[in-house]
Amino acid sequence: MIQNKWLEIALYPGCIQGFFLVYLLWQKKNANREAIQYFIALLLTISILMLLRVTYQPSFFREFAEIILLPDVILFLTGPFIYLFTRALLRVEALPRGRLWSHFIPAGVHVLLVNTFLGLHLKGVLHFLTLPQILVGFNLIELAAMLSLGVYLWMSLGIYQRYRAAFYEKFAAPFIGQFLRSFLVVCLGLLIFWCAGFVHKVYHQQSDYSIYTLFWVLVVASVYFLALKIWSTPAILELPVVIEEEENKMIPEEPIPEIELESLSHYMLAEKPYLNPEIKIGDLAEALRQPKHRLSKVINQGYNRNFFDFINGYRVQAYIQARRDPRLSHMNTLELAFATGFNSKSAFNRAFLKETGQNPREYFGVKDPKAKVAV
């Protein structure tokens, strides 16, 4: 066990902050509840185990060795919680219950068998292993924990990369989930740091766990930063589904009645709801007095577009018309983009390129083709 007064002092406010973040996230009633629940589980695990760690006193070790070691179960819980949270946040289909619980088997083995078995040896109840063998056991646990965490972080990063690629294929809008990649990469970097410390410890046959401790302090700090980011940016919990399961693609689609397409087109041209940069599919569905899922189906099947590309198509055509209007010649590109419903320069550039196949400079630098409304 590590004796570090400054670490112990840091853990007290860490526990309090963890429980406070749990409370803040639990208040998000209308958010992505599955992602929130997994993240709260991670925060509660970290906070409770930190609380157990700060209550540790050397004089109690021999009497409660098997209990004192329980906080080390965080080794095998952090990876699965991060992985399941990433899947839920990015709207990947939930795992079947059997596959879900299988991710926590290593943690169960750690608590019920390996860690308790070693703890009872340290307590003096069991005498099957010598002290050097016990230390080898702890090293094997640490090695397995590094491998487990690395695999889960790598799988989470893979899901993120797939989601980001699919998002940009479907949406000409800024991706607000970029921070998740930074979090995962930082955790992988810290894991490499931990591995280097582990190799140094084993090679020199030392019992120094300072690198191990520093790693978990930094990981906990990263998790807390992620929690604050999620709490302060509610839109993160409203990311759309973009990774579709193959079986869903095989379901035959029913044709959309022409009258629904005409009604939607007429409303878009007459009311120009796309000029609102914050418009959501629920807002448009409410204005048209139809269920949100039905409107989504009309847009997806009737126009072969997702909602954001559908809206941005009208915005791009509105921008082209405004650019050609002599009365608006005093406005620059960004001003016109904002006036036609875009909320950022990058979103405008992506949408324009996706709609016309050219950037604005190229498009207006040649003979203007006849404007084609995106419907």
Protein backbone atom coordinates (compact mmCIF):
# COMPACT_ATOMS: atom_id res chain seq x y z
CA MET A 1 0.00 0.00 0.00
CA ILE A 2 1.13 3.50 -0.77
CA GLN A 3 1.79 5.96 2.00
CA ASN A 4 1.49 9.47 0.64
CA LYS A 5 0.11 12.27 2.78
CA TRP A 6 -0.47 14.61 -0.17
CA LEU A 7 -2.32 11.92 -2.11
CA GLU A 8 -4.56 11.28 0.89
CA ILE A 9 -5.28 15.01 1.21
CA ALA A 10 -6.17 15.18 -2.51
CA LEU A 11 -8.55 12.22 -2.26
CA TYR A 12 -10.90 13.87 0.25
CA PRO A 13 -12.07 16.71 -2.06
CA GLY A 14 -11.97 14.21 -4.92
CA CYS A 15 -14.62 12.07 -3.21
CA ILE A 16 -16.83 15.10 -2.61
CA GLN A 17 -16.46 16.32 -6.17
CA GLY A 18 -17.31 12.88 -7.54
CA PHE A 19 -20.56 12.64 -5.60
CA PHE A 20 -21.47 16.21 -6.58
CA LEU A 21 -20.92 15.44 -10.28
CA VAL A 22 -23.13 12.36 -9.91
CA TYR A 23 -25.89 14.57 -8.52
CA LEU A 24 -25.54 17.12 -11.37
CA LEU A 25 -25.65 14.48 -14.10
CA TRP A 26 -28.60 12.67 -12.51
CA GLN A 27 -30.65 15.87 -12.88
CA LYS A 28 -30.53 15.59 -16.69
CA LYS A 29 -33.87 13.82 -16.88
CA ASN A 30 -34.50 14.24 -20.62
CA ALA A 31 -30.99 13.40 -21.80
CA ASN A 32 -29.43 10.18 -23.06
CA ARG A 33 -30.29 8.18 -19.95
CA GLU A 34 -28.34 5.07 -20.91
CA ALA A 35 -25.11 7.04 -21.36
CA ILE A 36 -25.76 8.99 -18.16
CA GLN A 37 -26.33 5.80 -16.16
CA TYR A 38 -23.07 4.21 -17.32
CA PHE A 39 -21.13 7.38 -16.61
CA ILE A 40 -22.73 7.77 -13.18
CA ALA A 41 -21.78 4.15 -12.45
CA LEU A 42 -18.17 5.01 -13.34
CA LEU A 43 -18.21 8.16 -11.17
CA LEU A 44 -19.81 6.37 -8.21
CA THR A 45 -17.30 3.53 -8.45
CA ILE A 46 -14.38 5.95 -8.48
CA SER A 47 -15.79 8.09 -5.66
CA ILE A 48 -16.68 5.17 -3.37
CA LEU A 49 -13.33 3.48 -3.91
CA MET A 50 -11.52 6.76 -3.20
CA LEU A 51 -13.51 7.02 0.00
CA LEU A 52 -12.41 3.52 0.95
CA ARG A 53 -8.84 4.40 0.10
CA VAL A 54 -8.73 7.50 2.32
CA THR A 55 -10.11 5.53 5.26
CA TYR A 56 -7.16 3.15 5.05
CA GLN A 57 -4.87 3.16 8.06
CA PRO A 58 -1.70 1.03 8.25
CA SER A 59 -2.59 -0.34 11.69
CA PHE A 60 -5.76 -1.92 10.25
CA PHE A 61 -4.02 -3.63 7.36
CA ARG A 62 -3.26 -7.01 8.88
CA GLU A 63 -6.75 -7.31 10.34
CA PHE A 64 -8.63 -6.17 7.24
CA ALA A 65 -6.19 -6.92 4.41
CA GLU A 66 -8.80 -8.58 2.19
CA ILE A 67 -11.07 -5.52 2.56
CA ILE A 68 -8.32 -2.91 2.19
CA LEU A 69 -7.49 -4.39 -1.21
CA LEU A 70 -11.06 -4.06 -2.55
CA PRO A 71 -10.55 -0.55 -4.00
CA ASP A 72 -8.19 -2.17 -6.52
CA VAL A 73 -11.26 -3.57 -8.29
CA ILE A 74 -11.28 -0.24 -10.13
CA LEU A 75 -8.56 -1.85 -12.27
CA PHE A 76 -11.16 -4.02 -14.00
CA LEU A 77 -14.21 -1.72 -13.85
CA THR A 78 -12.95 1.48 -15.46
CA GLY A 79 -12.43 -0.03 -18.92
CA PRO A 80 -15.90 -1.62 -19.26
CA PHE A 81 -17.67 1.49 -17.94
CA ILE A 82 -15.81 3.75 -20.40
CA TYR A 83 -16.55 1.36 -23.27
CA LEU A 84 -20.27 1.01 -22.46
CA PHE A 85 -20.58 4.76 -21.91
CA THR A 86 -18.98 5.43 -25.31
CA ARG A 87 -21.37 3.03 -27.03
CA ALA A 88 -24.39 4.62 -25.35
CA LEU A 89 -23.24 8.20 -25.96
CA LEU A 90 -22.71 7.50 -29.66
CA ARG A 91 -26.07 5.73 -29.91
CA VAL A 92 -24.69 2.29 -30.76
CA GLU A 93 -27.27 -0.45 -30.22
CA ALA A 94 -27.30 -1.74 -26.63
CA LEU A 95 -25.60 -5.07 -25.95
CA PRO A 96 -27.73 -8.12 -25.04
CA ARG A 97 -27.83 -8.74 -21.29
CA GLY A 98 -25.59 -11.80 -21.53
CA ARG A 99 -22.84 -9.97 -23.41
CA LEU A 100 -23.24 -6.93 -21.14
CA TRP A 101 -22.55 -8.82 -17.91
CA SER A 102 -19.62 -10.70 -19.45
CA HIS A 103 -17.61 -7.46 -19.42
CA PHE A 104 -17.67 -7.48 -15.60
CA ILE A 105 -16.50 -11.08 -15.09
CA PRO A 106 -12.83 -10.05 -14.59
CA ALA A 107 -13.88 -7.62 -11.84
CA GLY A 108 -15.91 -10.36 -10.16
CA VAL A 109 -12.97 -12.78 -10.33
CA HIS A 110 -10.71 -10.08 -8.93
CA VAL A 111 -12.93 -9.51 -5.89
CA LEU A 112 -14.13 -13.02 -5.16
CA LEU A 113 -11.00 -15.00 -5.90
CA VAL A 114 -7.68 -13.44 -6.79
CA ASN A 115 -7.63 -10.30 -4.64
CA THR A 116 -9.31 -11.91 -1.64
CA PHE A 117 -7.00 -14.92 -1.87
CA LEU A 118 -3.92 -12.69 -1.79
CA GLY A 119 -5.44 -10.52 0.94
CA LEU A 120 -5.97 -13.53 3.19
CA HIS A 121 -2.31 -14.42 2.73
CA LEU A 122 -1.26 -10.92 3.74
CA LYS A 123 -3.58 -11.16 6.72
CA GLY A 124 -1.91 -14.43 7.76
CA VAL A 125 -5.01 -16.63 7.45
CA LEU A 126 -3.65 -18.58 4.45
CA HIS A 127 -0.08 -19.83 4.05
CA PHE A 128 0.06 -21.42 0.60
CA LEU A 129 2.20 -18.67 -0.96
CA THR A 130 5.47 -17.07 0.07
CA LEU A 131 5.87 -13.29 0.07
CA PRO A 132 7.77 -13.27 -3.28
CA GLN A 133 4.97 -15.35 -4.81
CA ILE A 134 2.37 -12.92 -3.44
CA LEU A 135 4.25 -10.03 -5.07
CA VAL A 136 4.30 -11.95 -8.36
CA GLY A 137 0.54 -12.36 -8.00
CA PHE A 138 0.07 -8.63 -7.60
CA ASN A 139 2.26 -8.01 -10.66
CA LEU A 140 0.17 -10.42 -12.73
CA ILE A 141 -3.01 -8.64 -11.62
CA GLU A 142 -1.51 -5.30 -12.60
CA LEU A 143 -0.41 -6.66 -15.98
CA ALA A 144 -3.89 -8.08 -16.67
CA ALA A 145 -5.44 -4.77 -15.64
CA MET A 146 -3.24 -2.81 -18.08
CA LEU A 147 -4.15 -5.20 -20.89
CA SER A 148 -7.86 -5.01 -20.06
CA LEU A 149 -7.94 -1.21 -19.90
CA GLY A 150 -5.93 -0.92 -23.11
CA VAL A 151 -8.31 -3.20 -25.01
CA TYR A 152 -11.40 -1.30 -23.82
CA LEU A 153 -9.88 2.11 -24.61
CA TRP A 154 -8.89 0.89 -28.08
CA MET A 155 -12.38 -0.50 -28.74
CA SER A 156 -13.91 2.78 -27.54
CA LEU A 157 -11.64 4.76 -29.84
CA GLY A 158 -12.62 2.49 -32.72
CA ILE A 159 -16.32 3.13 -32.11
CA TYR A 160 -15.62 6.86 -31.96
CA GLN A 161 -13.76 6.79 -35.29
CA ARG A 162 -16.60 4.86 -36.95
CA TYR A 163 -19.19 7.24 -35.56
CA ARG A 164 -17.28 10.37 -36.59
CA ALA A 165 -16.82 9.07 -40.14
CA ALA A 166 -20.51 8.15 -40.41
CA PHE A 167 -21.53 11.52 -38.93
CA TYR A 168 -19.63 13.51 -41.55
CA GLU A 169 -21.07 11.31 -44.30
CA LYS A 170 -24.59 12.17 -43.20
CA PHE A 171 -24.33 15.67 -41.70
CA ALA A 172 -22.80 18.89 -42.94
CA ALA A 173 -22.63 20.22 -39.40
CA PRO A 174 -19.94 20.58 -36.70
CA PHE A 175 -19.36 17.42 -34.68
CA ILE A 176 -19.54 18.40 -31.02
CA GLY A 177 -18.21 15.05 -29.79
CA GLN A 178 -14.56 15.77 -30.68
CA PHE A 179 -13.63 16.01 -26.99
CA LEU A 180 -14.32 12.27 -26.55
CA ARG A 181 -11.40 11.39 -28.82
CA SER A 182 -9.11 13.65 -26.79
CA PHE A 183 -10.24 11.94 -23.57
CA LEU A 184 -9.58 8.45 -24.96
CA VAL A 185 -6.21 9.40 -26.43
CA VAL A 186 -5.14 10.98 -23.13
CA CYS A 187 -6.14 7.81 -21.27
CA LEU A 188 -4.15 5.69 -23.74
CA GLY A 189 -1.15 7.98 -23.25
CA LEU A 190 -1.44 7.63 -19.49
CA LEU A 191 -1.69 3.86 -19.90
CA ILE A 192 1.60 3.83 -21.81
CA PHE A 193 3.10 5.84 -18.93
CA TRP A 194 1.78 3.24 -16.46
CA CYS A 195 3.20 0.38 -18.58
CA ALA A 196 6.64 2.04 -18.61
CA GLY A 197 6.53 2.40 -14.82
CA PHE A 198 5.47 -1.23 -14.45
CA VAL A 199 8.34 -2.47 -16.63
CA HIS A 200 10.81 -0.34 -14.64
CA LYS A 201 9.44 -1.68 -11.33
CA VAL A 202 9.63 -5.33 -12.41
CA TYR A 203 13.04 -5.00 -14.07
CA HIS A 204 14.60 -3.40 -10.99
CA GLN A 205 12.59 -5.68 -8.64
CA GLN A 206 11.18 -2.72 -6.73
CA SER A 207 7.91 -2.47 -4.81
CA ASP A 208 7.36 1.19 -5.70
CA TYR A 209 3.75 1.90 -6.73
CA SER A 210 4.15 5.66 -7.22
CA ILE A 211 3.67 5.46 -11.03
CA TYR A 212 0.58 3.30 -10.50
CA THR A 213 -0.85 5.85 -8.07
CA LEU A 214 -0.06 8.83 -10.29
CA PHE A 215 -1.70 7.08 -13.24
CA TRP A 216 -4.99 6.62 -11.42
CA VAL A 217 -4.97 10.15 -10.03
CA LEU A 218 -4.60 11.50 -13.57
CA VAL A 219 -7.24 9.14 -14.95
CA VAL A 220 -9.71 10.20 -12.26
CA ALA A 221 -8.95 13.85 -13.06
CA SER A 222 -9.63 13.13 -16.76
CA VAL A 223 -12.93 11.41 -15.92
CA TYR A 224 -14.00 14.38 -13.80
CA PHE A 225 -13.13 16.77 -16.63
CA LEU A 226 -15.23 14.63 -18.98
CA ALA A 227 -18.14 14.78 -16.51
CA LEU A 228 -17.96 18.58 -16.36
CA LYS A 229 -17.85 18.74 -20.15
CA ILE A 230 -20.95 16.57 -20.45
CA TRP A 231 -22.80 18.57 -17.81
CA SER A 232 -21.93 21.94 -19.38
CA THR A 233 -22.73 20.89 -22.97
CA PRO A 234 -26.22 19.31 -23.01
CA ALA A 235 -26.14 18.82 -26.80
CA ILE A 236 -23.52 16.09 -26.31
CA LEU A 237 -26.27 13.87 -24.90
CA GLU A 238 -28.42 14.40 -28.00
CA LEU A 239 -26.10 12.99 -30.65
CA PRO A 240 -28.05 11.29 -33.46
CA VAL A 241 -27.93 7.64 -34.48
CA VAL A 242 -25.54 7.30 -37.42
CA ILE A 243 -24.14 3.76 -37.02
CA GLU A 244 -26.91 1.54 -38.31
CA GLU A 245 -27.05 -2.19 -37.76
CA GLU A 246 -26.95 -4.24 -40.96
CA GLU A 247 -30.20 -6.03 -40.18
CA ASN A 248 -32.04 -2.70 -40.02
CA LYS A 249 -30.90 -1.88 -43.56
CA MET A 250 -32.53 -5.04 -44.90
CA ILE A 251 -36.05 -4.03 -43.84
CA PRO A 252 -38.05 -3.05 -46.97
CA GLU A 253 -39.20 0.56 -47.02
CA GLU A 254 -42.75 1.63 -47.79
CA PRO A 255 -43.12 4.39 -50.40
CA ILE A 256 -43.92 7.86 -49.09
CA PRO A 257 -47.20 9.34 -50.43
CA GLU A 258 -46.58 12.20 -52.88
CA ILE A 259 -48.96 14.47 -50.97
CA GLU A 260 -46.68 14.35 -47.90
CA LEU A 261 -43.67 15.33 -49.97
CA GLU A 262 -45.55 18.21 -51.59
CA SER A 263 -46.86 19.42 -48.23
CA LEU A 264 -43.38 19.47 -46.73
CA SER A 265 -41.87 21.18 -49.77
CA HIS A 266 -44.58 23.84 -49.76
CA TYR A 267 -44.04 24.57 -46.07
CA MET A 268 -40.27 24.85 -46.47
CA LEU A 269 -40.55 27.32 -49.35
CA ALA A 270 -43.36 29.36 -47.81
CA GLU A 271 -42.29 29.55 -44.14
CA LYS A 272 -38.49 29.19 -44.53
CA PRO A 273 -37.95 27.41 -41.18
CA TYR A 274 -34.36 26.67 -42.22
CA LEU A 275 -33.44 30.29 -41.47
CA ASN A 276 -33.57 29.38 -37.78
CA PRO A 277 -30.01 28.16 -37.01
CA GLU A 278 -31.25 26.19 -33.96
CA ILE A 279 -34.10 24.33 -35.68
CA LYS A 280 -34.53 20.68 -34.73
CA ILE A 281 -36.61 17.96 -36.31
CA GLY A 282 -39.00 18.14 -33.37
CA ASP A 283 -39.65 21.83 -34.08
CA LEU A 284 -40.47 21.12 -37.73
CA ALA A 285 -42.65 18.13 -36.83
CA GLU A 286 -44.61 20.24 -34.36
CA ALA A 287 -45.14 22.98 -36.95
CA LEU A 288 -46.39 20.39 -39.45
CA ARG A 289 -48.50 18.67 -36.78
CA GLN A 290 -47.11 15.23 -37.38
CA PRO A 291 -45.08 12.78 -35.27
CA LYS A 292 -41.32 13.30 -35.29
CA HIS A 293 -40.60 9.72 -36.36
CA ARG A 294 -42.96 10.09 -39.34
CA LEU A 295 -41.31 13.31 -40.52
CA SER A 296 -37.90 11.67 -40.18
CA LYS A 297 -39.10 8.80 -42.37
CA VAL A 298 -40.53 11.20 -44.97
CA ILE A 299 -37.21 13.05 -45.21
CA ASN A 300 -35.02 9.94 -45.15
CA GLN A 301 -37.00 7.98 -47.73
CA GLY A 302 -38.69 10.70 -49.73
CA TYR A 303 -35.58 12.84 -50.25
CA ASN A 304 -32.89 10.25 -49.49
CA ARG A 305 -31.40 12.65 -46.94
CA ASN A 306 -31.09 13.01 -43.22
CA PHE A 307 -32.68 15.97 -41.49
CA PHE A 308 -29.54 18.14 -41.30
CA ASP A 309 -28.64 17.68 -44.97
CA PHE A 310 -32.27 18.36 -45.91
CA ILE A 311 -32.26 21.65 -43.98
CA ASN A 312 -28.79 22.63 -45.17
CA GLY A 313 -29.84 22.03 -48.77
CA TYR A 314 -32.39 24.83 -48.45
CA ARG A 315 -29.86 27.03 -46.68
CA VAL A 316 -27.32 26.61 -49.47
CA GLN A 317 -29.90 27.47 -52.12
CA ALA A 318 -30.99 30.49 -50.07
CA TYR A 319 -27.34 31.57 -49.86
CA ILE A 320 -26.89 31.21 -53.65
CA GLN A 321 -29.96 33.35 -54.29
CA ALA A 322 -28.81 35.95 -51.75
CA ARG A 323 -25.32 36.05 -53.28
CA ARG A 324 -26.86 36.83 -56.68
CA ASP A 325 -29.13 39.56 -55.30
CA PRO A 326 -27.59 43.00 -56.06
CA ARG A 327 -29.37 44.46 -53.06
CA LEU A 328 -27.24 42.26 -50.77
CA SER A 329 -23.91 42.91 -52.48
CA HIS A 330 -22.70 44.83 -49.42
CA MET A 331 -22.73 41.63 -47.30
CA ASN A 332 -19.71 39.33 -47.19
CA THR A 333 -19.77 35.53 -47.38
CA LEU A 334 -19.96 34.92 -43.64
CA GLU A 335 -22.71 37.49 -43.13
CA LEU A 336 -24.79 35.87 -45.88
CA ALA A 337 -24.14 32.42 -44.43
CA PHE A 338 -25.42 33.51 -41.02
CA ALA A 339 -28.40 35.25 -42.64
CA THR A 340 -29.43 32.03 -44.37
CA GLY A 341 -29.41 29.88 -41.24
CA PHE A 342 -25.85 28.62 -40.77
CA ASN A 343 -24.28 29.02 -37.34
CA SER A 344 -20.61 28.66 -38.24
CA LYS A 345 -18.24 29.12 -41.18
CA SER A 346 -17.12 25.49 -41.09
CA ALA A 347 -20.72 24.20 -41.19
CA PHE A 348 -21.45 26.47 -44.15
CA ASN A 349 -18.36 25.36 -46.10
CA ARG A 350 -19.10 21.66 -45.55
CA ALA A 351 -22.75 22.03 -46.48
CA PHE A 352 -21.97 24.08 -49.61
CA LEU A 353 -19.39 21.56 -50.81
CA LYS A 354 -21.74 18.66 -50.15
CA GLU A 355 -24.65 20.35 -51.92
CA THR A 356 -22.88 21.72 -55.00
CA GLY A 357 -19.67 19.69 -55.23
CA GLN A 358 -17.65 22.92 -55.13
CA ASN A 359 -16.58 25.45 -52.56
CA PRO A 360 -18.15 28.96 -52.82
CA ARG A 361 -15.11 30.46 -54.53
CA GLU A 362 -15.10 27.79 -57.24
CA TYR A 363 -18.88 27.87 -57.60
CA PHE A 364 -19.13 31.60 -58.21
CA GLY A 365 -15.88 31.78 -60.16
CA VAL A 366 -17.41 30.02 -63.16
CA LYS A 367 -20.59 30.52 -65.08
CA ASP A 368 -23.42 30.00 -62.64
CA PRO A 369 -25.40 26.88 -63.40
CA LYS A 370 -29.13 27.11 -62.96
CA ALA A 371 -29.90 26.91 -59.22
CA LYS A 372 -31.33 23.57 -58.25
CA VAL A 373 -33.49 23.46 -55.15
CA ALA A 374 -32.52 20.61 -52.84
CA VAL A 375 -35.84 18.87 -52.83
